[in-house]
């Protein structure tokens, strides 16, 4: 996974896996485990009792885990709010390393910080190796300790290594358990956060009532204006969730309020959520888009999608390949024929730190020929979103470049280039290295439709992989080649 050379503040990284924790607001996967004393525990049984569950996923060998374990915060929280106290909560230690033995847990093994059972009043669970793998995957365990709060409505949030008082505050922020026959709730907004007009709205609703939810309406408003409505019909069990998707038109950046209603709803306090949606004036004047991705060292964390105004994925890419060292690694450009519409580009980093900085200055851009529609050279988070419109006039174009070949490959001095133009265009070759730096730019001038050959002298360049971008008007194709010495 990314950043194996780093240690998070107060956390130890796993040597396997490629993800960060479960996203806050997700539904916690259910589990049933037997603790080291032979007692069985079923997560959803505790949640159905209205309890808040704290899960400490640690490893016996993990120093930061041991330090937090010995802080007494979980012990005190359990004694105050668990079965010995008010009985509002439960706490579990779940061993996250499948190789850990019972002896390690008890402090007599060879892979442990000490006796984890000493003074621990709450259940300790050491699953089998296969069960641990399943749990770690289900809960996206990327480092130890990972400490989750699960509310009675199954919603999970990572709370981290916090104090007893802070744990109590977190418990108090959980919604009340289901108690009324009919109670529809909005959990989160999952639709477009950037748009250029018609917007794909999407919200997650939950049945917080005791009887099945059979219908609900979600309305999007901005001030006094109704932007759109969506409906749910079906049979949603208690704490069941559903996604309601619909569209609306936005003409400026604004805060949109989403409200769920259903007949006989007992509580209005959980019916509303707001989302700021950015209106974009970015526009492409050609139907032929090129999506250019340059990853950092950890390309396997990078994926992207291009959506049209209906929320349909029209193109996507990644994950890419991890490399052995830090650097910027250009990927093969993706050409997309995009009819006139409003589009939304979303790029994701599964680890949550983007593709920049110490591991290489990655970036992305969407271009039409030599014109950049949108880009980001400093993507540092989990997701970046850009919206733009395609407003080409006349008939859709087709690619000006019919074919391109570069040979021999690898080569040590001179390489031969051949290419075919389907139409006349200004032609240029741009060569970049693995860091994304331009090492050569050759202008072939205006060329008519036809077949052409050229040569490239790479004798002055260091050995390595290079990317040859042939640009013809608003179109571009790329070939990788290796120069040897």
Foldseek 3Di string as FASTA:
>chain_A
DPPQVDADVLWHFDPDAAFAFDDFLDFQDWDWFAFPVGRIDTVLVLLLVQAKEKEWEAAQQIPSQVVLLVVCQVVVLCCPAPPVHVNRYAYEYEYLAQVDDPCQCCANDDRGPGNSPVSRPHTYTYDHSVVSVVNCVSGVDGIHTFMWIAGSLRGIDTDPSDGNVVVVVVNVPHDGAADAAFAKFWRAWDWAQEWAWKGKTKTKMFTRYQFWDAKKKKWKDFVPDTFDMWMDGDTAHHSRMDMTIDIGTDHAWGKIKIFMDDPPHPDRPRGIDIGTHGHDAQEAQAQKKKKKKKAWQQLQQKKKFKAFSNRDTQDIDDSDDHHDATATAIDWIDIGRHDWGKMKMKMFGRHFFGGDDPRAQIKMFMFQFPGTRDIDRHGTGGMDMDMYTYNHDDDHDDAQWPDKDWDDFAEAFKIKIKTFGPAKFFKKKWKAFRRRHTPDIGTPGIDGGGMDMDMDTPNVPDWDKMKIWITGHRDIGIDIGTHDD
